[in-house]
Amino acid sequence: MNPERLGPEGLGPERLGPERLGDPPHRVLIAGGGVAALEAALALRELAGERLRTTLLAPGPEFVYRPLRVGEPFGHTQAKTYALAEIARDIGAELIRDTFKRLDAEHAVVETDGAAELAYDFLLLAIGARLGPAFSHGLTIDDRRLGEQLRGLLADLERGEVRSIAFLAPAPMPWPLPNYELALMTAHRARELGVDLTVTIITPEDEPLGIFGPRASRAVAELLDSCGVGVILSHRGDVGEHGVISIQPGHRTLHADRVVALPLLSGPSTPGVPDSIYAGFIPIDSQCRVPVPGRVWAAGDATEFPIKHGGIAAQQADTAAQGIAALAGAAVEPEPFRPEIQAALFGGDQPLYLSARMRVSGQYDSGSQVSQTPMTSTAKITAKYLAPYLEARDRAAAP
């Protein structure tokens, strides 16, 4: 594979930027500090080694293992945090604490909020999505402060002031699993307190967690039924004042003492980065490349792939890392992004482990599986390089 001859689609003359690559190490700039960014940095270290010099551009000081936050208000395992400076040191990367502001792809330069201009040979955008409320009334969850948000609701439940709760999902729905976990955990807490509580999920999905396919969906439906959680499928809810939910299509209404909703996600919409027609997310091809001049990839929640999930972000990061390593001269044959999704559903007596293969459209394809034991790893996020790295750190830090 000759990196000097590869174009944006791997065909024809080089059209990748204003300058050709010089001698290694080549400069890789990764914008972001989440799953996709760290998975890519670890993958590049493994695949390309000293051919690349990696810089992480991250707005915050820590990486938070976000999937575990949903259980924190209920006394479950606390989400762990890891210092990005320590991770960067382990990886051999430079860490810059600043925020991505603008891309000048023609000149291969990134501008930051701190007015820095960072040149690169390869760029990976892992800048995440924006969260906002989907409904004018009710509580829109934000996992960055979920404990604070639910503290009052759980206290009201304990005092017997809440008799019904509805959990709503917006359309389009980027990742439905937290709604199910919150509903199941809330129903469990009510049983512990001896409170007669009606819990209802309203979702545009045709089947419960239908992205995992029929076998997994049936198991989820049985779990919901056994835990007394109702579900209204193939419908959208619009929340009025006083907890009155208008259910569409049709003319049904539902009253709930409390309404909890997943956030609506939108793309980063940053200057110099193209937007897709899907809410401002970044368009990518099958190699996770962005349609701009130069060597630019994107991974994670910022991309137009409709399912926003840490495991998907890691797979996109691996795809991008393969492409970058190959162009840097490493003996790597890049493979296209083939999404497979794995997740653990908490809230029942024991977790349900779900998996399926997906189409690039984000719809279920095949291989629906469900198990009460982990299929590969106990990690909430399945990531080829990041998961074992974090597990090793946790073992080293354990007393």
Protein backbone atom coordinates (compact mmCIF):
# COMPACT_ATOMS: atom_id res chain seq x y z
CA MET A 1 0.00 0.00 0.00
CA ASN A 2 1.50 3.31 -1.08
CA PRO A 3 0.22 6.21 1.05
CA GLU A 4 1.38 8.70 -1.54
CA ARG A 5 -1.17 7.36 -4.04
CA LEU A 6 -4.24 7.01 -1.87
CA GLY A 7 -7.04 9.51 -2.38
CA PRO A 8 -10.07 10.07 -0.12
CA GLU A 9 -11.68 6.82 -1.26
CA GLY A 10 -8.40 4.93 -1.69
CA LEU A 11 -8.45 5.53 -5.46
CA GLY A 12 -6.60 7.71 -7.92
CA PRO A 13 -4.03 10.44 -7.34
CA GLU A 14 -3.34 11.81 -3.89
CA ARG A 15 -5.74 14.62 -2.96
CA LEU A 16 -5.24 14.51 0.76
CA GLY A 17 -3.90 17.91 1.65
CA PRO A 18 -1.63 20.85 0.86
CA GLU A 19 1.56 18.90 1.53
CA ARG A 20 2.69 15.35 1.17
CA LEU A 21 3.80 13.39 4.18
CA GLY A 22 7.41 13.78 5.12
CA ASP A 23 9.46 11.38 7.18
CA PRO A 24 7.89 9.89 10.30
CA PRO A 25 6.85 10.53 12.95
CA HIS A 26 3.72 12.05 11.46
CA ARG A 27 1.49 14.35 13.48
CA VAL A 28 -1.89 12.94 14.55
CA LEU A 29 -4.32 15.32 16.22
CA ILE A 30 -7.28 13.74 18.03
CA ALA A 31 -9.95 16.26 19.02
CA GLY A 32 -11.89 14.91 21.99
CA GLY A 33 -11.43 13.19 25.32
CA GLY A 34 -14.09 10.47 25.29
CA VAL A 35 -14.31 6.84 24.25
CA ALA A 36 -13.63 7.40 20.55
CA ALA A 37 -10.62 9.63 21.19
CA LEU A 38 -8.95 7.31 23.68
CA GLU A 39 -9.70 4.15 21.73
CA ALA A 40 -8.14 5.73 18.63
CA ALA A 41 -5.05 6.87 20.53
CA LEU A 42 -4.52 3.38 21.97
CA ALA A 43 -5.16 1.73 18.60
CA LEU A 44 -2.68 4.02 16.84
CA ARG A 45 -0.02 3.25 19.42
CA GLU A 46 -0.54 -0.46 18.77
CA LEU A 47 -0.83 -0.27 14.97
CA ALA A 48 1.69 2.41 14.02
CA GLY A 49 3.98 2.85 17.01
CA GLU A 50 6.71 5.43 16.48
CA ARG A 51 5.51 6.30 12.98
CA LEU A 52 3.03 8.68 14.61
CA ARG A 53 3.20 11.46 17.20
CA THR A 54 -0.20 11.80 18.81
CA THR A 55 -1.75 14.89 20.39
CA LEU A 56 -5.02 14.79 22.33
CA LEU A 57 -7.02 18.03 22.26
CA ALA A 58 -9.52 17.69 25.11
CA PRO A 59 -11.71 20.30 26.83
CA GLY A 60 -11.74 18.65 30.27
CA PRO A 61 -9.21 17.06 32.64
CA GLU A 62 -10.92 13.67 33.04
CA PHE A 63 -12.38 10.73 31.19
CA VAL A 64 -15.59 9.53 32.85
CA TYR A 65 -16.94 6.02 32.35
CA ARG A 66 -20.40 7.39 31.62
CA PRO A 67 -22.55 4.24 31.20
CA LEU A 68 -22.37 3.51 34.93
CA ARG A 69 -23.79 6.90 35.85
CA VAL A 70 -27.35 5.71 35.28
CA GLY A 71 -27.13 3.50 38.37
CA GLU A 72 -25.54 6.02 40.73
CA PRO A 73 -28.80 7.57 42.05
CA PHE A 74 -29.93 4.07 43.06
CA GLY A 75 -26.78 3.22 45.02
CA HIS A 76 -25.16 1.13 42.29
CA THR A 77 -21.50 1.23 41.28
CA GLN A 78 -20.12 4.73 40.93
CA ALA A 79 -18.87 5.80 37.51
CA LYS A 80 -15.08 5.87 37.55
CA THR A 81 -13.04 8.83 36.44
CA TYR A 82 -9.54 8.74 34.98
CA ALA A 83 -7.13 11.65 34.63
CA LEU A 84 -6.50 12.34 30.96
CA ALA A 85 -2.98 13.52 31.78
CA GLU A 86 -2.16 10.06 33.15
CA ILE A 87 -3.72 8.30 30.16
CA ALA A 88 -1.82 10.54 27.74
CA ARG A 89 1.39 9.78 29.60
CA ASP A 90 0.73 6.02 29.36
CA ILE A 91 0.01 6.29 25.66
CA GLY A 92 2.97 8.55 24.98
CA ALA A 93 0.72 11.33 23.70
CA GLU A 94 0.74 15.07 24.27
CA LEU A 95 -2.35 16.44 26.01
CA ILE A 96 -3.61 19.94 25.24
CA ARG A 97 -6.42 21.22 27.47
CA ASP A 98 -8.48 23.29 25.05
CA THR A 99 -11.63 23.06 22.92
CA PHE A 100 -11.90 22.44 19.19
CA LYS A 101 -13.34 25.54 17.50
CA ARG A 102 -12.71 25.52 13.76
CA LEU A 103 -11.21 23.37 11.01
CA ASP A 104 -9.18 24.75 8.13
CA ALA A 105 -8.95 21.57 6.10
CA GLU A 106 -7.26 23.25 3.12
CA HIS A 107 -4.26 24.12 5.27
CA ALA A 108 -4.53 21.17 7.70
CA VAL A 109 -4.91 23.39 10.75
CA VAL A 110 -7.29 23.30 13.72
CA GLU A 111 -8.16 26.46 15.65
CA THR A 112 -9.06 26.20 19.33
CA ASP A 113 -11.12 28.33 21.69
CA GLY A 114 -7.85 29.37 23.29
CA ALA A 115 -6.75 30.89 19.94
CA ALA A 116 -4.14 28.18 19.32
CA GLU A 117 -3.54 26.91 15.78
CA LEU A 118 -2.60 23.24 15.65
CA ALA A 119 -1.19 21.77 12.45
CA TYR A 120 -1.65 18.08 11.70
CA ASP A 121 -0.88 15.39 9.16
CA PHE A 122 -3.89 13.33 10.28
CA LEU A 123 -6.96 14.54 12.15
CA LEU A 124 -9.61 12.54 13.99
CA LEU A 125 -12.72 14.42 15.12
CA ALA A 126 -14.21 12.81 18.23
CA ILE A 127 -15.88 15.95 19.53
CA GLY A 128 -19.19 14.47 20.65
CA ALA A 129 -22.77 15.64 20.28
CA ARG A 130 -24.84 18.38 21.85
CA LEU A 131 -27.56 17.51 24.35
CA GLY A 132 -30.83 19.40 24.62
CA PRO A 133 -34.38 18.93 25.87
CA ALA A 134 -36.79 17.15 23.54
CA PHE A 135 -39.88 18.28 25.47
CA SER A 136 -40.93 21.59 26.99
CA HIS A 137 -42.01 19.95 30.26
CA GLY A 138 -40.57 17.15 32.35
CA LEU A 139 -37.05 16.22 33.42
CA THR A 140 -34.52 15.76 30.61
CA ILE A 141 -31.77 13.55 31.96
CA ASP A 142 -28.13 14.58 31.71
CA ASP A 143 -25.76 11.86 32.85
CA ARG A 144 -23.23 14.49 33.93
CA ARG A 145 -25.55 15.39 36.84
CA LEU A 146 -27.99 12.52 36.99
CA GLY A 147 -27.65 12.00 40.73
CA GLU A 148 -28.59 15.62 41.38
CA GLN A 149 -31.50 15.40 38.92
CA LEU A 150 -33.08 12.25 40.37
CA ARG A 151 -32.43 12.91 44.04
CA GLY A 152 -35.65 14.87 44.47
CA LEU A 153 -37.74 12.42 42.48
CA LEU A 154 -36.56 9.46 44.56
CA ALA A 155 -37.16 11.39 47.77
CA ASP A 156 -40.72 12.17 46.63
CA LEU A 157 -41.18 8.50 45.81
CA GLU A 158 -40.02 7.50 49.29
CA ARG A 159 -42.52 9.94 50.84
CA GLY A 160 -45.31 8.41 48.78
CA GLU A 161 -45.88 11.59 46.78
CA VAL A 162 -45.31 9.95 43.39
CA ARG A 163 -47.67 7.27 42.09
CA SER A 164 -46.86 7.29 38.38
CA ILE A 165 -43.77 7.98 36.30
CA ALA A 166 -43.43 8.04 32.51
CA PHE A 167 -40.10 7.60 30.74
CA LEU A 168 -40.10 9.16 27.28
CA ALA A 169 -37.77 8.81 24.30
CA PRO A 170 -37.55 11.45 21.57
CA ALA A 171 -37.61 10.76 17.85
CA PRO A 172 -35.09 10.28 16.40
CA MET A 173 -33.80 8.31 19.36
CA PRO A 174 -30.02 7.98 19.49
CA TRP A 175 -29.64 5.39 22.31
CA PRO A 176 -32.66 3.98 24.16
CA LEU A 177 -31.08 1.73 26.80
CA PRO A 178 -30.85 4.31 29.65
CA ASN A 179 -34.64 4.75 29.54
CA TYR A 180 -35.14 1.04 30.19
CA GLU A 181 -32.55 0.94 32.96
CA LEU A 182 -34.03 3.97 34.72
CA ALA A 183 -37.55 2.53 34.46
CA LEU A 184 -36.47 -0.86 35.82
CA MET A 185 -34.40 0.61 38.65
CA THR A 186 -37.21 2.99 39.64
CA ALA A 187 -39.74 0.13 39.68
CA HIS A 188 -37.34 -1.90 41.82
CA ARG A 189 -36.90 0.98 44.28
CA ALA A 190 -40.69 1.35 44.56
CA ARG A 191 -41.04 -2.34 45.40
CA GLU A 192 -38.37 -2.00 48.08
CA LEU A 193 -40.29 0.93 49.60
CA GLY A 194 -43.65 -0.81 49.33
CA VAL A 195 -44.98 1.99 47.11
CA ASP A 196 -47.66 1.25 44.51
CA LEU A 197 -46.05 2.89 41.49
CA THR A 198 -47.08 2.82 37.81
CA VAL A 199 -44.03 2.95 35.53
CA THR A 200 -44.51 3.42 31.77
CA ILE A 201 -42.03 3.70 28.90
CA ILE A 202 -43.21 5.57 25.78
CA THR A 203 -40.94 4.96 22.81
CA PRO A 204 -40.97 5.24 19.00
CA GLU A 205 -39.40 1.76 18.81
CA ASP A 206 -41.52 -1.00 17.30
CA GLU A 207 -40.18 -3.49 19.87
CA PRO A 208 -38.43 -3.02 23.22
CA LEU A 209 -34.76 -2.38 22.40
CA GLY A 210 -35.54 -3.50 18.86
CA ILE A 211 -32.08 -2.48 17.64
CA PHE A 212 -30.86 -5.76 19.17
CA GLY A 213 -33.23 -7.88 17.10
CA PRO A 214 -36.16 -10.18 17.86
CA ARG A 215 -34.56 -12.62 20.27
CA ALA A 216 -33.14 -9.92 22.53
CA SER A 217 -36.30 -7.85 22.26
CA ARG A 218 -38.48 -10.72 23.48
CA ALA A 219 -36.24 -11.19 26.51
CA VAL A 220 -36.44 -7.47 27.30
CA ALA A 221 -40.24 -7.53 26.97
CA GLU A 222 -40.43 -10.46 29.41
CA LEU A 223 -38.18 -8.63 31.86
CA LEU A 224 -40.32 -5.47 31.70
CA ASP A 225 -43.47 -7.49 32.26
CA SER A 226 -42.01 -9.37 35.23
CA CYS A 227 -40.93 -6.07 36.82
CA GLY A 228 -44.29 -4.41 36.26
CA VAL A 229 -43.01 -1.84 33.75
CA GLY A 230 -45.46 -0.97 30.99
CA VAL A 231 -44.33 0.03 27.52
CA ILE A 232 -46.15 1.91 24.76
CA LEU A 233 -44.41 1.11 21.47
CA SER A 234 -44.39 2.85 18.08
CA HIS A 235 -45.61 6.11 19.60
CA ARG A 236 -44.24 9.50 20.51
CA GLY A 237 -45.20 11.48 23.55
CA ASP A 238 -45.58 15.24 23.84
CA VAL A 239 -45.64 16.57 27.38
CA GLY A 240 -47.98 19.33 28.42
CA GLU A 241 -48.24 21.01 31.76
CA HIS A 242 -49.20 19.06 34.87
CA GLY A 243 -47.82 15.82 33.49
CA VAL A 244 -50.40 15.34 30.74
CA ILE A 245 -48.79 13.37 27.90
CA SER A 246 -50.32 13.45 24.43
CA ILE A 247 -49.50 10.18 22.67
CA GLN A 248 -49.12 10.26 18.90
CA PRO A 249 -50.26 8.94 16.51
CA GLY A 250 -53.82 8.85 17.79
CA HIS A 251 -55.64 10.87 20.39
CA ARG A 252 -54.64 9.16 23.62
CA THR A 253 -53.49 10.96 26.71
CA LEU A 254 -51.65 9.69 29.75
CA HIS A 255 -51.22 11.42 33.10
CA ALA A 256 -48.03 10.95 35.07
CA ASP A 257 -46.93 12.54 38.32
CA ARG A 258 -43.41 12.77 36.94
CA VAL A 259 -42.03 12.68 33.39
CA VAL A 260 -38.40 11.70 32.71
CA ALA A 261 -37.08 12.00 29.16
CA LEU A 262 -33.95 11.13 27.24
CA PRO A 263 -32.19 14.14 25.73
CA LEU A 264 -32.37 15.07 22.08
CA LEU A 265 -28.93 14.95 20.47
CA SER A 266 -27.69 17.20 17.69
CA GLY A 267 -24.41 17.43 15.85
CA PRO A 268 -21.54 19.74 16.79
CA SER A 269 -22.03 22.07 13.77
CA THR A 270 -18.56 23.60 13.94
CA PRO A 271 -17.02 25.89 11.29
CA GLY A 272 -15.08 24.10 8.61
CA VAL A 273 -16.65 20.71 9.37
CA PRO A 274 -19.43 19.59 7.00
CA ASP A 275 -22.89 18.89 8.39
CA SER A 276 -25.09 16.06 7.22
CA ILE A 277 -28.82 16.57 6.72
CA TYR A 278 -29.31 14.65 9.99
CA ALA A 279 -29.33 17.35 12.70
CA GLY A 280 -25.87 18.72 11.99
CA PHE A 281 -23.87 15.52 12.53
CA ILE A 282 -20.63 14.90 10.62
CA PRO A 283 -20.97 12.80 7.44
CA ILE A 284 -18.53 9.90 7.09
CA ASP A 285 -17.90 7.17 4.55
CA SER A 286 -17.37 3.46 5.18
CA GLN A 287 -13.80 4.18 6.34
CA CYS A 288 -15.04 6.90 8.73
CA ARG A 289 -13.47 9.62 6.57
CA VAL A 290 -14.95 13.10 6.39
CA PRO A 291 -15.61 14.62 2.92
CA VAL A 292 -13.15 17.51 3.19
CA PRO A 293 -9.70 18.05 1.68
CA GLY A 294 -6.92 16.28 3.53
CA ARG A 295 -6.65 13.43 5.95
CA VAL A 296 -9.65 13.85 8.24
CA TRP A 297 -11.70 11.16 10.00
CA ALA A 298 -14.53 11.28 12.53
CA ALA A 299 -15.80 8.84 15.16
CA GLY A 300 -18.30 8.71 17.98
CA ASP A 301 -21.44 10.68 18.77
CA ALA A 302 -20.47 13.54 16.46
CA THR A 303 -20.94 11.37 13.36
CA GLU A 304 -24.15 10.87 11.42
CA PHE A 305 -24.42 7.18 12.40
CA PRO A 306 -27.77 7.22 14.23
CA ILE A 307 -26.89 4.98 17.21
CA LYS A 308 -24.88 6.89 19.80
CA HIS A 309 -23.15 4.30 21.93
CA GLY A 310 -19.66 3.86 23.36
CA GLY A 311 -19.11 0.51 21.66
CA ILE A 312 -20.02 1.97 18.27
CA ALA A 313 -17.73 4.95 18.92
CA ALA A 314 -14.88 2.54 19.66
CA GLN A 315 -15.49 0.57 16.46
CA GLN A 316 -15.46 3.77 14.40
CA ALA A 317 -12.25 4.83 16.14
CA ASP A 318 -10.65 1.48 15.27
CA THR A 319 -11.69 1.90 11.63
CA ALA A 320 -10.20 5.39 11.52
CA ALA A 321 -7.01 4.26 13.26
CA GLN A 322 -6.49 1.52 10.69
CA GLY A 323 -6.77 4.04 7.87
CA ILE A 324 -4.39 6.48 9.54
CA ALA A 325 -1.84 3.78 10.36
CA ALA A 326 -1.92 2.46 6.80
CA LEU A 327 -1.32 5.92 5.31
CA ALA A 328 1.54 6.38 7.78
CA GLY A 329 3.18 3.30 6.28
CA ALA A 330 2.26 0.65 8.85
CA ALA A 331 1.51 -2.88 7.67
CA VAL A 332 -2.23 -2.53 8.16
CA GLU A 333 -5.05 -3.33 5.75
CA PRO A 334 -7.95 -1.01 6.67
CA GLU A 335 -11.37 -2.58 6.98
CA PRO A 336 -14.67 -0.75 6.56
CA PHE A 337 -16.89 0.11 9.50
CA ARG A 338 -19.15 -2.88 10.18
CA PRO A 339 -21.19 -2.01 13.26
CA GLU A 340 -21.83 -4.62 15.91
CA ILE A 341 -23.52 -3.60 19.11
CA GLN A 342 -23.15 -5.12 22.55
CA ALA A 343 -24.67 -3.83 25.76
CA ALA A 344 -25.58 -4.83 29.29
CA LEU A 345 -29.08 -3.98 30.50
CA PHE A 346 -29.17 -3.43 34.27
CA GLY A 347 -32.23 -3.05 36.46
CA GLY A 348 -33.54 -6.60 36.76
CA ASP A 349 -32.46 -9.21 39.28
CA GLN A 350 -29.40 -9.77 37.09
CA PRO A 351 -28.06 -8.06 33.97
CA LEU A 352 -29.12 -9.03 30.46
CA TYR A 353 -26.28 -9.05 27.95
CA LEU A 354 -27.45 -8.17 24.44
CA SER A 355 -25.72 -8.16 21.07
CA ALA A 356 -26.49 -7.87 17.37
CA ARG A 357 -24.99 -6.94 14.04
CA MET A 358 -26.26 -3.74 12.47
CA ARG A 359 -26.56 -2.20 9.06
CA VAL A 360 -24.69 1.00 8.29
CA SER A 361 -28.09 2.70 8.41
CA GLY A 362 -28.24 1.91 12.13
CA GLN A 363 -30.99 -0.71 11.79
CA TYR A 364 -30.85 -4.28 13.07
CA ASP A 365 -29.28 -6.69 10.62
CA SER A 366 -28.74 -10.14 12.17
CA GLY A 367 -27.29 -12.16 15.04
CA SER A 368 -29.72 -11.18 17.80
CA GLN A 369 -28.37 -12.67 21.04
CA VAL A 370 -29.25 -12.41 24.71
CA SER A 371 -27.57 -13.98 27.73
CA GLN A 372 -27.45 -13.68 31.50
CA THR A 373 -23.69 -14.09 31.40
CA PRO A 374 -21.23 -11.80 29.59
CA MET A 375 -20.61 -12.84 25.98
CA THR A 376 -17.15 -11.28 25.76
CA SER A 377 -16.41 -8.87 28.60
CA THR A 378 -18.15 -7.54 31.68
CA ALA A 379 -17.33 -4.00 30.52
CA LYS A 380 -20.30 -1.76 29.75
CA ILE A 381 -18.42 -0.45 26.72
CA THR A 382 -16.93 -3.04 24.38
CA ALA A 383 -13.72 -1.48 23.07
CA LYS A 384 -10.84 -3.49 21.67
CA TYR A 385 -8.07 -1.37 23.17
CA LEU A 386 -9.71 0.91 25.74
CA ALA A 387 -11.56 -1.76 27.73
CA PRO A 388 -8.46 -3.87 28.59
CA TYR A 389 -6.45 -0.72 29.24
CA LEU A 390 -8.99 0.54 31.80
CA GLU A 391 -9.31 -2.91 33.36
CA ALA A 392 -5.53 -3.04 33.80
CA ARG A 393 -5.55 0.40 35.42
CA ASP A 394 -8.34 -0.66 37.78
CA ARG A 395 -6.45 -3.80 38.79
CA ALA A 396 -3.31 -1.79 39.44
CA ALA A 397 -5.24 0.70 41.58
CA ALA A 398 -7.10 -1.94 43.59
CA PRO A 399 -5.94 -2.44 47.20
